[in-house]
């Protein structure tokens, strides 16, 4: 048997409960991972509140989208991994557990310079940033990226990777402390959105790509900031999902509006994305040029406290759960 964190009631953190479940068996093409650490992400909060169900075929009541640990066993057809390998992996659910099964092609080797806690911070955020900033947003060396919410897990990842690939970065954050941290990571300017209007502060500066998690309230400001041929990429709509826009301006300035979600994409897409991440980003992780930012590590049984801290916004970087197994 294994310990898991189960969502027994939608709503507050009181719905997160420690339970025991049978250890799953890997299907063909899967590995069973003994989880040493699991990343905590904003979608976990949405799932706990009943707003972000797991895709069909995925365990519905155990949150968790990224893990790091040791391969315990392999299903038939798995050739790359063997028991004992240290891996991190993207999962569509079930990460808040002592064991989880995952498609073998969604795993990455843990570089020798990282521990399990750091490795657990990587899959969800790196996959999301690589796909949205570099594949959909087509950010190039010499261009400029604006990251909304630069101090979170996605933001700290986007700032570092954009700088490493030769782009200039601007960001927003909710306090002067967070802004200073973002600038320390490589953001040329970070605007405290609670005390300043980011559109006014960045007016007149060329911005080629904007990574946005707010949605509707910022659309007009974002379109005004984008350079001609600019790209606005949505990865969330926390502030609202319906907005109006001037289509003629979109046409005249040749702007692109796009976005994506990752969890519901099929296994083949995630496998292809994993290959791209391993080729482009993993050398930077292995060399230490890119480093995940961890704010706090909680024992698995304290998942409620991790969710409370995430909802408070009083953190920088990532929150992590450890199984202690």
Protein backbone atom coordinates (compact mmCIF):
# COMPACT_ATOMS: atom_id res chain seq x y z
CA UNK A 1 0.00 0.00 0.00
CA UNK A 2 1.04 3.62 -0.46
CA UNK A 3 0.08 6.98 0.96
CA UNK A 4 -1.71 9.41 -1.33
CA UNK A 5 -3.35 12.81 -1.02
CA UNK A 6 -6.98 12.52 -2.06
CA UNK A 7 -9.49 15.26 -2.88
CA UNK A 8 -12.46 14.02 -0.84
CA UNK A 9 -14.51 17.23 -1.14
CA UNK A 10 -14.20 20.11 -3.59
CA UNK A 11 -13.51 23.54 -2.12
CA UNK A 12 -11.20 24.42 0.74
CA UNK A 13 -7.92 22.76 1.67
CA UNK A 14 -9.86 20.67 4.21
CA UNK A 15 -10.85 18.48 1.27
CA UNK A 16 -7.26 17.22 0.94
CA UNK A 17 -6.91 14.03 2.99
CA UNK A 18 -4.14 11.45 3.44
CA UNK A 19 -5.33 7.97 2.46
CA UNK A 20 -3.83 4.61 1.56
CA UNK A 21 -4.24 3.06 -1.86
CA UNK A 22 -2.80 -0.04 -3.58
CA UNK A 23 0.44 0.57 -5.44
CA UNK A 24 -0.44 0.67 -9.18
CA UNK A 25 1.05 -1.67 -11.78
CA UNK A 26 2.63 -0.21 -14.92
CA UNK A 27 0.82 -0.95 -18.18
CA UNK A 28 2.72 -1.64 -21.40
CA UNK A 29 4.88 1.38 -22.23
CA UNK A 30 4.73 2.73 -18.67
CA UNK A 31 7.09 2.88 -15.72
CA UNK A 32 6.23 2.80 -12.04
CA UNK A 33 8.05 5.61 -10.22
CA UNK A 34 8.73 5.61 -6.49
CA UNK A 35 8.02 9.29 -5.92
CA UNK A 36 10.58 11.17 -3.86
CA UNK A 37 9.22 14.66 -4.60
CA UNK A 38 6.26 16.22 -6.40
CA UNK A 39 5.81 19.75 -7.65
CA UNK A 40 2.81 21.83 -6.54
CA UNK A 41 1.20 23.87 -9.32
CA UNK A 42 -1.68 26.30 -9.72
CA UNK A 43 -3.81 23.74 -11.63
CA UNK A 44 -3.72 21.57 -8.50
CA UNK A 45 -5.62 24.34 -6.73
CA UNK A 46 -8.17 24.51 -9.55
CA UNK A 47 -8.63 20.74 -9.40
CA UNK A 48 -9.12 20.81 -5.63
CA UNK A 49 -11.87 23.39 -6.11
CA UNK A 50 -13.61 21.27 -8.73
CA UNK A 51 -12.75 23.46 -11.73
CA UNK A 52 -10.06 21.39 -13.47
CA UNK A 53 -10.87 17.68 -13.69
CA UNK A 54 -8.25 15.20 -14.79
CA UNK A 55 -8.54 13.90 -18.37
CA UNK A 56 -10.42 10.63 -18.99
CA UNK A 57 -8.41 7.58 -18.02
CA UNK A 58 -6.42 9.47 -15.36
CA UNK A 59 -6.99 9.07 -11.62
CA UNK A 60 -9.53 11.76 -10.79
CA UNK A 61 -9.07 12.41 -7.07
CA UNK A 62 -5.28 12.58 -6.64
CA UNK A 63 -3.73 15.87 -7.83
CA UNK A 64 -0.14 16.36 -8.96
CA UNK A 65 1.27 17.05 -12.43
CA UNK A 66 5.01 16.49 -12.01
CA UNK A 67 7.18 14.13 -10.00
CA UNK A 68 10.77 13.05 -9.46
CA UNK A 69 11.92 9.72 -8.12
CA UNK A 70 13.31 6.30 -8.91
CA UNK A 71 12.01 3.81 -11.46
CA UNK A 72 10.59 0.90 -9.45
CA UNK A 73 9.47 -1.32 -12.33
CA UNK A 74 8.80 -1.19 -16.05
CA UNK A 75 5.89 -2.35 -18.16
CA UNK A 76 6.42 -4.38 -21.30
CA UNK A 77 7.95 -2.53 -24.22
CA UNK A 78 9.94 -0.05 -22.13
CA UNK A 79 13.52 0.01 -23.39
CA UNK A 80 15.08 3.29 -22.21
CA UNK A 81 14.55 2.94 -18.46
CA UNK A 82 15.40 0.21 -15.96
CA UNK A 83 14.64 -0.11 -12.24
CA UNK A 84 16.89 2.18 -10.25
CA UNK A 85 17.02 4.98 -12.82
CA UNK A 86 16.47 8.46 -11.40
CA UNK A 87 13.86 10.32 -13.45
CA UNK A 88 11.47 13.23 -13.38
CA UNK A 89 8.23 13.07 -15.30
CA UNK A 90 5.17 14.92 -16.48
CA UNK A 91 1.97 13.24 -15.30
CA UNK A 92 -1.66 14.12 -16.01
CA UNK A 93 -2.60 13.45 -12.39
CA UNK A 94 -1.73 11.30 -9.41
CA UNK A 95 1.55 12.97 -8.47
CA UNK A 96 0.65 13.51 -4.80
CA UNK A 97 1.47 9.89 -3.97
CA UNK A 98 4.31 7.60 -2.96
CA UNK A 99 4.12 5.78 -6.31
CA UNK A 100 2.75 6.75 -9.71
CA UNK A 101 2.67 5.16 -13.15
CA UNK A 102 3.61 7.29 -16.14
CA UNK A 103 4.17 6.92 -19.86
CA UNK A 104 7.86 6.07 -20.20
CA UNK A 105 8.25 8.60 -23.02
CA UNK A 106 7.21 11.43 -20.68
CA UNK A 107 10.21 10.87 -18.39
CA UNK A 108 13.54 12.69 -18.35
CA UNK A 109 16.78 11.70 -16.65
CA UNK A 110 17.63 13.69 -13.53
CA UNK A 111 20.93 15.48 -14.11
CA UNK A 112 23.65 14.64 -11.58
CA UNK A 113 23.73 18.22 -10.28
CA UNK A 114 20.09 18.14 -9.16
CA UNK A 115 18.35 16.48 -6.24
CA UNK A 116 14.84 15.05 -6.36
CA UNK A 117 13.25 18.21 -4.95
CA UNK A 118 14.78 20.41 -7.65
CA UNK A 119 14.00 17.89 -10.39
CA UNK A 120 10.34 17.75 -9.34
CA UNK A 121 10.08 21.47 -10.17
CA UNK A 122 10.97 21.00 -13.82
CA UNK A 123 8.50 19.01 -15.97
CA UNK A 124 5.29 21.05 -15.73
CA UNK A 125 6.95 24.45 -15.86
CA UNK A 126 9.65 23.71 -18.43
CA UNK A 127 7.27 21.87 -20.76
CA UNK A 128 4.77 24.73 -20.49
CA UNK A 129 7.32 27.47 -21.11
CA UNK A 130 9.11 25.70 -23.94
CA UNK A 131 5.87 25.03 -25.82
CA UNK A 132 4.24 28.40 -25.27
CA UNK A 133 7.16 30.83 -25.37
CA UNK A 134 9.41 29.14 -27.91
CA UNK A 135 7.16 26.89 -30.01
CA UNK A 136 3.93 28.90 -30.10
CA UNK A 137 5.36 32.33 -29.30
CA UNK A 138 8.37 31.75 -31.58
CA UNK A 139 10.63 33.84 -29.34
CA UNK A 140 13.98 34.44 -31.02
CA UNK A 141 17.36 35.68 -29.84
CA UNK A 142 17.36 39.49 -29.85
CA UNK A 143 13.61 39.77 -29.26
CA UNK A 144 11.85 40.86 -26.07
CA UNK A 145 9.51 38.84 -23.85
CA UNK A 146 7.08 40.18 -21.25
CA UNK A 147 6.21 37.69 -18.51
CA UNK A 148 3.14 38.35 -16.41
CA UNK A 149 3.68 36.97 -12.91
CA UNK A 150 7.43 36.64 -13.17
CA UNK A 151 8.03 35.40 -9.62
CA UNK A 152 6.07 32.14 -9.80
CA UNK A 153 7.18 28.77 -11.09
CA UNK A 154 6.29 29.51 -14.71
CA UNK A 155 7.63 33.05 -14.49
CA UNK A 156 11.02 32.20 -13.01
CA UNK A 157 11.41 29.49 -15.64
CA UNK A 158 10.41 31.78 -18.51
CA UNK A 159 12.76 34.58 -17.42
CA UNK A 160 15.76 32.27 -17.17
CA UNK A 161 15.17 30.39 -20.40
CA UNK A 162 14.42 33.51 -22.43
CA UNK A 163 17.64 35.14 -21.24
CA UNK A 164 19.66 31.97 -21.89
CA UNK A 165 18.36 31.89 -25.47
CA UNK A 166 19.34 35.49 -26.09
CA UNK A 167 16.11 37.42 -25.50
CA UNK A 168 15.54 40.50 -23.37
CA UNK A 169 12.92 40.09 -20.65
CA UNK A 170 10.45 42.34 -18.86
CA UNK A 171 8.20 41.04 -16.10
CA UNK A 172 5.51 41.95 -13.60
CA UNK A 173 5.18 40.82 -9.99
CA UNK A 174 3.12 41.70 -6.92
CA UNK A 175 5.72 43.22 -4.61
CA UNK A 176 8.97 45.13 -4.71
CA UNK A 177 10.74 42.08 -3.22
CA UNK A 178 9.43 39.85 -5.99
CA UNK A 179 10.37 42.41 -8.62
CA UNK A 180 13.91 42.58 -7.28
CA UNK A 181 14.13 38.80 -7.44
CA UNK A 182 12.93 38.75 -11.07
CA UNK A 183 15.49 41.37 -12.00
CA UNK A 184 18.14 39.26 -10.26
CA UNK A 185 17.14 36.33 -12.48
CA UNK A 186 17.64 38.44 -15.60
CA UNK A 187 14.55 40.58 -16.16
CA UNK A 188 15.70 44.00 -17.35
CA UNK A 189 12.62 45.66 -15.82
CA UNK A 190 10.06 44.20 -13.44
CA UNK A 191 6.95 46.27 -12.69
CA UNK A 192 5.06 45.96 -9.40
CA UNK A 193 1.55 45.64 -10.79
CA UNK A 194 0.03 46.49 -7.42
CA UNK A 195 1.55 49.96 -7.34
CA UNK A 196 2.19 50.78 -11.00
CA UNK A 197 0.47 50.41 -14.36
CA UNK A 198 2.68 48.01 -16.28
CA UNK A 199 1.42 49.27 -19.64
CA UNK A 200 2.43 52.84 -18.77
CA UNK A 201 5.81 51.75 -17.43
CA UNK A 202 6.62 49.70 -20.54
CA UNK A 203 5.06 52.01 -23.12
CA UNK A 204 7.38 52.72 -26.02
CA UNK A 205 9.52 49.64 -25.46
CA UNK A 206 9.53 46.94 -28.11
CA UNK A 207 7.83 43.75 -26.93
CA UNK A 208 7.67 40.82 -29.32
CA UNK A 209 6.08 38.12 -27.16
CA UNK A 210 3.85 38.32 -24.08
CA UNK A 211 3.25 35.29 -21.85
CA UNK A 212 -0.05 35.93 -20.08
CA UNK A 213 -1.92 34.03 -17.38
CA UNK A 214 -4.46 36.76 -16.55
CA UNK A 215 -6.61 36.87 -19.69
CA UNK A 216 -9.43 39.29 -20.41
CA UNK A 217 -8.54 42.31 -18.20
CA UNK A 218 -5.13 42.73 -19.83
CA UNK A 219 -5.91 42.05 -23.49
CA UNK A 220 -6.25 45.70 -24.56
CA UNK A 221 -3.06 46.71 -22.74
CA UNK A 222 -1.16 43.77 -24.16
CA UNK A 223 -2.17 44.54 -27.73
CA UNK A 224 -1.08 48.15 -27.25
CA UNK A 225 2.35 47.00 -26.04
CA UNK A 226 3.08 44.43 -28.72
CA UNK A 227 5.36 45.35 -31.59
CA UNK A 228 4.15 44.73 -35.13
CA UNK A 229 4.22 40.97 -35.79
CA UNK A 230 4.01 40.46 -32.01
CA UNK A 231 2.61 37.35 -30.36
CA UNK A 232 0.31 37.22 -27.31
CA UNK A 233 0.31 33.76 -25.72
CA UNK A 234 -2.30 32.77 -23.12
CA UNK A 235 -1.58 30.01 -20.62
CA UNK A 236 -4.42 30.83 -18.25
CA UNK A 237 -7.35 33.22 -17.90
CA UNK A 238 -7.33 33.78 -14.15
CA UNK A 239 -8.88 37.23 -14.51
CA UNK A 240 -11.56 36.33 -17.05
CA UNK A 241 -11.98 34.46 -20.32
CA UNK A 242 -14.04 36.86 -22.45
CA UNK A 243 -12.58 40.00 -24.01
CA UNK A 244 -13.24 42.34 -26.93
CA UNK A 245 -10.60 43.36 -29.41
CA UNK A 246 -10.17 45.53 -32.48
CA UNK A 247 -9.82 43.03 -35.33
CA UNK A 248 -8.69 45.70 -37.78
CA UNK A 249 -5.76 46.58 -35.51
CA UNK A 250 -4.92 42.89 -35.32
CA UNK A 251 -4.84 42.73 -39.12
CA UNK A 252 -2.99 45.97 -39.72
CA UNK A 253 -0.24 45.14 -37.21
CA UNK A 254 -0.16 41.41 -38.07
CA UNK A 255 -0.49 40.35 -34.45
CA UNK A 256 -0.91 36.74 -33.36
CA UNK A 257 -3.09 35.61 -30.45
CA UNK A 258 -2.58 32.03 -29.35
CA UNK A 259 -2.39 29.84 -26.29
CA UNK A 260 -2.60 26.29 -25.04
CA UNK A 261 -3.24 23.92 -22.18
CA UNK A 262 -0.94 20.98 -21.55
CA UNK A 263 -2.73 18.51 -19.32
CA UNK A 264 -5.31 17.33 -21.85
CA UNK A 265 -2.91 16.92 -24.78
CA UNK A 266 -2.42 13.37 -26.02
CA UNK A 267 0.50 11.13 -25.14
CA UNK A 268 2.17 11.50 -28.54
CA UNK A 269 2.23 15.30 -28.26
CA UNK A 270 3.76 15.16 -24.78
CA UNK A 271 6.36 12.67 -25.96
CA UNK A 272 7.38 14.95 -28.84
CA UNK A 273 7.51 17.92 -26.49
CA UNK A 274 9.65 15.93 -24.05
CA UNK A 275 12.11 15.22 -26.87
CA UNK A 276 12.35 18.93 -27.70
CA UNK A 277 12.87 19.84 -24.04
CA UNK A 278 15.55 17.21 -23.58
CA UNK A 279 17.43 18.41 -26.64
CA UNK A 280 17.14 22.17 -26.08
CA UNK A 281 16.79 22.71 -22.33
CA UNK A 282 18.35 19.73 -20.58
CA UNK A 283 21.95 20.72 -21.45
CA UNK A 284 21.29 24.04 -19.69
CA UNK A 285 19.94 22.21 -16.65
CA UNK A 286 22.88 19.80 -16.59
CA UNK A 287 25.41 22.63 -16.83
CA UNK A 288 23.75 24.60 -14.04
CA UNK A 289 22.98 27.54 -16.35
CA UNK A 290 19.27 27.05 -15.60
CA UNK A 291 18.29 26.36 -12.00
CA UNK A 292 14.81 25.79 -10.58
CA UNK A 293 13.81 28.16 -7.80
CA UNK A 294 12.36 26.49 -4.69
CA UNK A 295 10.59 28.54 -2.05
CA UNK A 296 9.59 25.79 0.39
CA UNK A 297 9.47 22.00 0.69
CA UNK A 298 6.60 20.31 2.57
CA UNK A 299 6.12 16.70 3.64
CA UNK A 300 3.44 14.96 1.56
CA UNK A 301 1.08 14.90 4.53
CA UNK A 302 1.21 18.71 4.66
CA UNK A 303 -0.28 19.24 1.20
CA UNK A 304 -2.92 21.48 2.76
CA UNK A 305 -0.23 23.89 3.96
CA UNK A 306 1.35 23.91 0.50
CA UNK A 307 -1.99 24.81 -1.08
CA UNK A 308 -2.62 27.54 1.50
CA UNK A 309 0.76 29.10 0.77
CA UNK A 310 0.22 28.93 -2.98
CA UNK A 311 -3.17 30.60 -2.69
CA UNK A 312 -1.71 33.34 -0.49
CA UNK A 313 0.76 34.29 -3.23
CA UNK A 314 3.43 34.86 -0.59
CA UNK A 315 6.14 32.82 -2.26
CA UNK A 316 8.72 33.00 -5.03
CA UNK A 317 9.38 30.12 -7.41
CA UNK A 318 8.11 26.62 -6.67
CA UNK A 319 6.53 24.68 -3.82
CA UNK A 320 7.39 21.00 -3.46
CA UNK A 321 6.04 17.95 -1.59
CA UNK A 322 8.34 15.13 -0.45
CA UNK A 323 7.21 11.63 0.37
CA UNK A 324 10.03 10.81 2.80
CA UNK A 325 9.97 7.28 1.41
